[in-house]
C-alpha atoms as a PDB file:
ATOM      1  CA  UNK A   1      -0.026   0.052   0.201  1.00  0.00           C
ATOM      2  CA  UNK A   2       1.572   3.528  -1.018  1.00  0.00           C
ATOM      3  CA  UNK A   3       2.050   5.743   1.825  1.00  0.00           C
ATOM      4  CA  UNK A   4       0.416   9.058   1.626  1.00  0.00           C
ATOM      5  CA  UNK A   5       2.383  12.193   1.890  1.00  0.00           C
ATOM      6  CA  UNK A   6       1.940  14.201   5.026  1.00  0.00           C
ATOM      7  CA  UNK A   7       0.755  17.569   3.910  1.00  0.00           C
ATOM      8  CA  UNK A   8       2.035  20.363   6.038  1.00  0.00           C
ATOM      9  CA  UNK A   9      -0.382  22.552   8.140  1.00  0.00           C
ATOM     10  CA  UNK A  10      -0.993  25.710   6.640  1.00  0.00           C
ATOM     11  CA  UNK A  11       0.820  27.640   9.298  1.00  0.00           C
ATOM     12  CA  UNK A  12       4.107  25.584   8.271  1.00  0.00           C
ATOM     13  CA  UNK A  13       3.883  26.951   4.624  1.00  0.00           C
ATOM     14  CA  UNK A  14       5.932  30.012   4.031  1.00  0.00           C
ATOM     15  CA  UNK A  15       3.839  32.955   2.760  1.00  0.00           C
ATOM     16  CA  UNK A  16       5.262  35.735   0.551  1.00  0.00           C
ATOM     17  CA  UNK A  17       5.081  38.662   2.733  1.00  0.00           C
ATOM     18  CA  UNK A  18       2.693  41.429   1.125  1.00  0.00           C
ATOM     19  CA  UNK A  19       5.227  44.338   1.897  1.00  0.00           C
ATOM     20  CA  UNK A  20       7.937  42.521  -0.283  1.00  0.00           C
ATOM     21  CA  UNK A  21       5.406  42.605  -3.562  1.00  0.00           C
ATOM     22  CA  UNK A  22       6.384  45.010  -5.891  1.00  0.00           C
ATOM     23  CA  UNK A  23       3.974  47.789  -6.045  1.00  0.00           C
ATOM     24  CA  UNK A  24       2.813  48.766  -9.392  1.00  0.00           C
ATOM     25  CA  UNK A  25       3.234  52.436 -10.432  1.00  0.00           C
ATOM     26  CA  UNK A  26       0.421  54.801  -9.946  1.00  0.00           C
ATOM     27  CA  UNK A  27      -1.626  55.391 -13.119  1.00  0.00           C
ATOM     28  CA  UNK A  28      -3.448  58.582 -11.685  1.00  0.00           C
ATOM     29  CA  UNK A  29      -1.930  61.277  -9.162  1.00  0.00           C
ATOM     30  CA  UNK A  30      -5.584  63.040  -8.564  1.00  0.00           C
ATOM     31  CA  UNK A  31      -6.331  63.149  -5.202  1.00  0.00           C
ATOM     32  CA  UNK A  32      -9.739  62.595  -5.477  1.00  0.00           C
ATOM     33  CA  UNK A  33      -9.164  59.096  -7.131  1.00  0.00           C
ATOM     34  CA  UNK A  34      -6.652  57.794  -4.592  1.00  0.00           C
ATOM     35  CA  UNK A  35      -7.983  55.931  -1.722  1.00  0.00           C
ATOM     36  CA  UNK A  36      -4.892  55.629   0.958  1.00  0.00           C
ATOM     37  CA  UNK A  37      -2.570  56.617  -1.694  1.00  0.00           C
ATOM     38  CA  UNK A  38      -3.634  53.597  -3.884  1.00  0.00           C
ATOM     39  CA  UNK A  39      -5.379  53.960  -7.346  1.00  0.00           C
ATOM     40  CA  UNK A  40      -6.452  50.062  -6.898  1.00  0.00           C
ATOM     41  CA  UNK A  41     -10.241  51.350  -6.823  1.00  0.00           C
ATOM     42  CA  UNK A  42      -9.426  53.813  -9.916  1.00  0.00           C
ATOM     43  CA  UNK A  43      -8.266  50.840 -11.597  1.00  0.00           C
ATOM     44  CA  UNK A  44     -11.389  49.013 -10.531  1.00  0.00           C
ATOM     45  CA  UNK A  45     -13.524  51.838 -11.794  1.00  0.00           C
ATOM     46  CA  UNK A  46     -11.638  51.618 -15.408  1.00  0.00           C
ATOM     47  CA  UNK A  47     -11.965  48.124 -15.719  1.00  0.00           C
ATOM     48  CA  UNK A  48     -15.519  48.006 -14.599  1.00  0.00           C
ATOM     49  CA  UNK A  49     -16.560  50.776 -17.450  1.00  0.00           C
ATOM     50  CA  UNK A  50     -14.877  48.605 -19.916  1.00  0.00           C
ATOM     51  CA  UNK A  51     -16.840  45.781 -18.879  1.00  0.00           C
ATOM     52  CA  UNK A  52     -20.088  47.804 -19.089  1.00  0.00           C
ATOM     53  CA  UNK A  53     -19.261  49.312 -22.393  1.00  0.00           C
ATOM     54  CA  UNK A  54     -18.704  46.025 -23.885  1.00  0.00           C
ATOM     55  CA  UNK A  55     -22.121  44.999 -22.663  1.00  0.00           C
ATOM     56  CA  UNK A  56     -24.035  47.728 -23.778  1.00  0.00           C
ATOM     57  CA  UNK A  57     -22.235  47.739 -27.174  1.00  0.00           C
ATOM     58  CA  UNK A  58     -23.844  44.086 -27.241  1.00  0.00           C
ATOM     59  CA  UNK A  59     -27.248  45.453 -26.404  1.00  0.00           C
ATOM     60  CA  UNK A  60     -26.967  48.310 -28.934  1.00  0.00           C
ATOM     61  CA  UNK A  61     -25.770  45.593 -31.543  1.00  0.00           C
ATOM     62  CA  UNK A  62     -28.736  43.593 -30.827  1.00  0.00           C
ATOM     63  CA  UNK A  63     -31.175  46.512 -31.160  1.00  0.00           C
ATOM     64  CA  UNK A  64     -29.683  47.481 -34.344  1.00  0.00           C
ATOM     65  CA  UNK A  65     -29.631  43.864 -35.889  1.00  0.00           C
ATOM     66  CA  UNK A  66     -33.271  43.377 -35.120  1.00  0.00           C
ATOM     67  CA  UNK A  67     -34.093  46.032 -37.523  1.00  0.00           C
ATOM     68  CA  UNK A  68     -31.702  45.250 -40.270  1.00  0.00           C
ATOM     69  CA  UNK A  69     -28.780  48.189 -38.966  1.00  0.00           C
ATOM     70  CA  UNK A  70     -25.363  48.462 -38.123  1.00  0.00           C
ATOM     71  CA  UNK A  71     -24.608  49.836 -34.591  1.00  0.00           C
ATOM     72  CA  UNK A  72     -23.945  53.030 -35.731  1.00  0.00           C
ATOM     73  CA  UNK A  73     -26.593  53.244 -38.148  1.00  0.00           C
ATOM     74  CA  UNK A  74     -29.079  52.682 -35.587  1.00  0.00           C
ATOM     75  CA  UNK A  75     -27.795  55.182 -33.335  1.00  0.00           C
ATOM     76  CA  UNK A  76     -27.695  57.805 -35.597  1.00  0.00           C
ATOM     77  CA  UNK A  77     -31.132  57.112 -36.954  1.00  0.00           C
ATOM     78  CA  UNK A  78     -32.271  56.983 -33.033  1.00  0.00           C
ATOM     79  CA  UNK A  79     -30.722  60.219 -32.279  1.00  0.00           C
ATOM     80  CA  UNK A  80     -32.067  61.983 -35.195  1.00  0.00           C
ATOM     81  CA  UNK A  81     -35.517  60.677 -34.049  1.00  0.00           C
ATOM     82  CA  UNK A  82     -34.968  61.974 -30.556  1.00  0.00           C
ATOM     83  CA  UNK A  83     -33.762  65.388 -31.979  1.00  0.00           C
ATOM     84  CA  UNK A  84     -36.335  65.691 -34.289  1.00  0.00           C
ATOM     85  CA  UNK A  85     -38.815  65.671 -32.063  1.00  0.00           C
ATOM     86  CA  UNK A  86     -37.378  68.916 -30.674  1.00  0.00           C
ATOM     87  CA  UNK A  87     -37.006  70.826 -33.976  1.00  0.00           C
ATOM     88  CA  UNK A  88     -34.920  70.934 -37.042  1.00  0.00           C
ATOM     89  CA  UNK A  89     -31.729  68.868 -36.889  1.00  0.00           C
ATOM     90  CA  UNK A  90     -28.641  69.815 -38.864  1.00  0.00           C
ATOM     91  CA  UNK A  91     -25.836  67.257 -39.551  1.00  0.00           C
ATOM     92  CA  UNK A  92     -23.448  69.532 -37.209  1.00  0.00           C
ATOM     93  CA  UNK A  93     -26.121  69.337 -34.401  1.00  0.00           C
ATOM     94  CA  UNK A  94     -26.563  65.554 -34.885  1.00  0.00           C
ATOM     95  CA  UNK A  95     -22.855  65.214 -34.854  1.00  0.00           C
ATOM     96  CA  UNK A  96     -22.430  67.377 -31.550  1.00  0.00           C
ATOM     97  CA  UNK A  97     -24.946  65.561 -30.103  1.00  0.00           C
ATOM     98  CA  UNK A  98     -23.497  62.056 -30.789  1.00  0.00           C
ATOM     99  CA  UNK A  99     -19.888  63.443 -30.080  1.00  0.00           C
ATOM    100  CA  UNK A 100     -18.829  62.504 -33.736  1.00  0.00           C
ATOM    101  CA  UNK A 101     -17.404  64.433 -36.592  1.00  0.00           C
ATOM    102  CA  UNK A 102     -19.760  65.920 -39.089  1.00  0.00           C
ATOM    103  CA  UNK A 103     -17.906  64.113 -42.097  1.00  0.00           C
ATOM    104  CA  UNK A 104     -18.667  60.669 -39.964  1.00  0.00           C
ATOM    105  CA  UNK A 105     -22.237  61.575 -39.428  1.00  0.00           C
ATOM    106  CA  UNK A 106     -22.684  62.527 -43.289  1.00  0.00           C
ATOM    107  CA  UNK A 107     -21.402  59.331 -44.689  1.00  0.00           C
ATOM    108  CA  UNK A 108     -23.901  57.475 -42.290  1.00  0.00           C
ATOM    109  CA  UNK A 109     -26.779  59.654 -43.086  1.00  0.00           C
ATOM    110  CA  UNK A 110     -26.112  59.000 -46.957  1.00  0.00           C
ATOM    111  CA  UNK A 111     -26.414  55.208 -46.130  1.00  0.00           C
ATOM    112  CA  UNK A 112     -29.594  55.981 -44.224  1.00  0.00           C
ATOM    113  CA  UNK A 113     -30.846  58.094 -46.825  1.00  0.00           C
ATOM    114  CA  UNK A 114     -30.155  55.233 -49.515  1.00  0.00           C
ATOM    115  CA  UNK A 115     -32.049  52.827 -47.435  1.00  0.00           C
ATOM    116  CA  UNK A 116     -35.385  55.165 -47.510  1.00  0.00           C
ATOM    117  CA  UNK A 117     -34.706  55.740 -43.338  1.00  0.00           C
ATOM    118  CA  UNK A 118     -34.181  59.382 -43.626  1.00  0.00           C
ATOM    119  CA  UNK A 119     -34.393  62.326 -45.783  1.00  0.00           C
ATOM    120  CA  UNK A 120     -32.175  65.564 -46.251  1.00  0.00           C
ATOM    121  CA  UNK A 121     -34.331  68.680 -46.938  1.00  0.00           C
ATOM    122  CA  UNK A 122     -33.131  72.144 -47.756  1.00  0.00           C
ATOM    123  CA  UNK A 123     -33.912  74.297 -44.888  1.00  0.00           C
ATOM    124  CA  UNK A 124     -36.128  76.974 -46.210  1.00  0.00           C
ATOM    125  CA  UNK A 125     -34.803  79.718 -44.079  1.00  0.00           C
ATOM    126  CA  UNK A 126     -31.069  79.009 -45.305  1.00  0.00           C
ATOM    127  CA  UNK A 127     -31.200  77.420 -48.621  1.00  0.00           C
ATOM    128  CA  UNK A 128     -27.444  76.535 -47.764  1.00  0.00           C
ATOM    129  CA  UNK A 129     -28.183  74.268 -44.974  1.00  0.00           C
ATOM    130  CA  UNK A 130     -29.661  70.816 -45.029  1.00  0.00           C
ATOM    131  CA  UNK A 131     -31.775  69.102 -42.254  1.00  0.00           C
ATOM    132  CA  UNK A 132     -32.063  65.792 -41.592  1.00  0.00           C
ATOM    133  CA  UNK A 133     -35.624  64.173 -41.029  1.00  0.00           C
ATOM    134  CA  UNK A 134     -36.401  60.476 -40.205  1.00  0.00           C
ATOM    135  CA  UNK A 135     -39.012  59.308 -42.894  1.00  0.00           C
ATOM    136  CA  UNK A 136     -42.119  57.663 -42.335  1.00  0.00           C
ATOM    137  CA  UNK A 137     -40.485  54.162 -42.827  1.00  0.00           C
ATOM    138  CA  UNK A 138     -37.765  54.891 -40.536  1.00  0.00           C
ATOM    139  CA  UNK A 139     -40.073  55.991 -37.933  1.00  0.00           C
ATOM    140  CA  UNK A 140     -42.156  52.674 -38.608  1.00  0.00           C
ATOM    141  CA  UNK A 141     -38.946  50.529 -38.224  1.00  0.00           C
ATOM    142  CA  UNK A 142     -38.054  52.141 -34.668  1.00  0.00           C
ATOM    143  CA  UNK A 143     -41.882  52.050 -33.428  1.00  0.00           C
ATOM    144  CA  UNK A 144     -41.426  48.360 -34.051  1.00  0.00           C
ATOM    145  CA  UNK A 145     -38.486  47.871 -32.109  1.00  0.00           C
ATOM    146  CA  UNK A 146     -39.736  49.925 -29.295  1.00  0.00           C
ATOM    147  CA  UNK A 147     -41.278  47.765 -27.143  1.00  0.00           C
ATOM    148  CA  UNK A 148     -38.410  45.105 -26.872  1.00  0.00           C
ATOM    149  CA  UNK A 149     -36.025  48.336 -26.563  1.00  0.00           C
ATOM    150  CA  UNK A 150     -37.759  49.242 -23.689  1.00  0.00           C
ATOM    151  CA  UNK A 151     -37.656  45.974 -21.813  1.00  0.00           C
ATOM    152  CA  UNK A 152     -34.209  45.598 -22.333  1.00  0.00           C
ATOM    153  CA  UNK A 153     -33.130  48.975 -21.034  1.00  0.00           C
ATOM    154  CA  UNK A 154     -35.693  48.699 -18.243  1.00  0.00           C
ATOM    155  CA  UNK A 155     -33.762  45.564 -17.265  1.00  0.00           C
ATOM    156  CA  UNK A 156     -30.237  47.031 -17.869  1.00  0.00           C
ATOM    157  CA  UNK A 157     -30.549  50.241 -16.044  1.00  0.00           C
ATOM    158  CA  UNK A 158     -33.192  49.089 -13.495  1.00  0.00           C
ATOM    159  CA  UNK A 159     -30.266  49.205 -10.590  1.00  0.00           C
ATOM    160  CA  UNK A 160     -30.771  53.239 -10.745  1.00  0.00           C
ATOM    161  CA  UNK A 161     -32.919  55.207  -8.719  1.00  0.00           C
ATOM    162  CA  UNK A 162     -33.693  58.852 -10.102  1.00  0.00           C
ATOM    163  CA  UNK A 163     -30.954  60.442  -7.892  1.00  0.00           C
ATOM    164  CA  UNK A 164     -28.368  57.651  -9.138  1.00  0.00           C
ATOM    165  CA  UNK A 165     -29.408  58.429 -12.994  1.00  0.00           C
ATOM    166  CA  UNK A 166     -29.143  62.235 -12.646  1.00  0.00           C
ATOM    167  CA  UNK A 167     -25.425  61.550 -11.236  1.00  0.00           C
ATOM    168  CA  UNK A 168     -24.379  59.191 -13.690  1.00  0.00           C
ATOM    169  CA  UNK A 169     -25.707  61.624 -16.592  1.00  0.00           C
ATOM    170  CA  UNK A 170     -23.576  64.317 -15.275  1.00  0.00           C
ATOM    171  CA  UNK A 171     -20.518  62.403 -14.408  1.00  0.00           C
ATOM    172  CA  UNK A 172     -20.804  61.016 -18.201  1.00  0.00           C
ATOM    173  CA  UNK A 173     -20.983  64.055 -19.477  1.00  0.00           C
ATOM    174  CA  UNK A 174     -18.031  65.332 -17.768  1.00  0.00           C
ATOM    175  CA  UNK A 175     -15.994  62.182 -18.410  1.00  0.00           C
ATOM    176  CA  UNK A 176     -16.781  62.644 -22.246  1.00  0.00           C
ATOM    177  CA  UNK A 177     -15.446  66.363 -22.248  1.00  0.00           C
ATOM    178  CA  UNK A 178     -12.178  65.748 -20.178  1.00  0.00           C
ATOM    179  CA  UNK A 179     -11.470  62.536 -22.299  1.00  0.00           C
ATOM    180  CA  UNK A 180     -11.332  64.527 -25.351  1.00  0.00           C
ATOM    181  CA  UNK A 181      -8.932  66.618 -23.505  1.00  0.00           C
ATOM    182  CA  UNK A 182      -7.031  63.393 -22.533  1.00  0.00           C
ATOM    183  CA  UNK A 183      -6.594  62.155 -26.064  1.00  0.00           C
ATOM    184  CA  UNK A 184      -5.405  65.104 -27.094  1.00  0.00           C
ATOM    185  CA  UNK A 185      -2.605  65.475 -24.491  1.00  0.00           C
ATOM    186  CA  UNK A 186      -1.791  61.811 -25.191  1.00  0.00           C
ATOM    187  CA  UNK A 187      -1.496  62.818 -28.690  1.00  0.00           C
ATOM    188  CA  UNK A 188       0.936  65.639 -27.600  1.00  0.00           C
ATOM    189  CA  UNK A 189       3.014  63.248 -25.429  1.00  0.00           C
ATOM    190  CA  UNK A 190       3.408  60.697 -27.843  1.00  0.00           C
ATOM    191  CA  UNK A 191       7.149  60.101 -29.050  1.00  0.00           C
ATOM    192  CA  UNK A 192       7.099  61.959 -32.676  1.00  0.00           C
ATOM    193  CA  UNK A 193       8.279  59.277 -35.250  1.00  0.00           C
ATOM    194  CA  UNK A 194      11.459  60.177 -37.279  1.00  0.00           C
END
């Protein structure tokens, strides 16, 4: 009969001292983002935001696929539908709402126009300006999706109370603005290729 090896008690197994583990360099120096001098919570926030964005992209792609559009086509069409309920919408206004370039929104809106989902009309007050309008076909497409969209959005955002929602919206708007500044700084700090 083979002899079993004796397993040493846990107390006898040498442990690596936490104090001797290398400490990763800080990824932020903003006091508000450090907890007891550590950026661990900040890193957790960034990683959790990445996880949320990936899941939300999946939801967005699912909504878009349900009506035969790409995610960006769906986003442009739904945003135009929202803004159009408040008044006339130009490419520039739609691009600003989506934080995208006017050229990109023009390209996507051209595709949506080819599909018959939006129209480009000349503004009667300024003939140089085009306004974008969702067509009846586009409205019907979005109306078909709305019941499913509501159910999915209700589940995804059910964890937020009214106060949470207001704070999150304000925080995300600030983060978009500060992210634009961070991207510009990052490009400036990148070493120049010779």
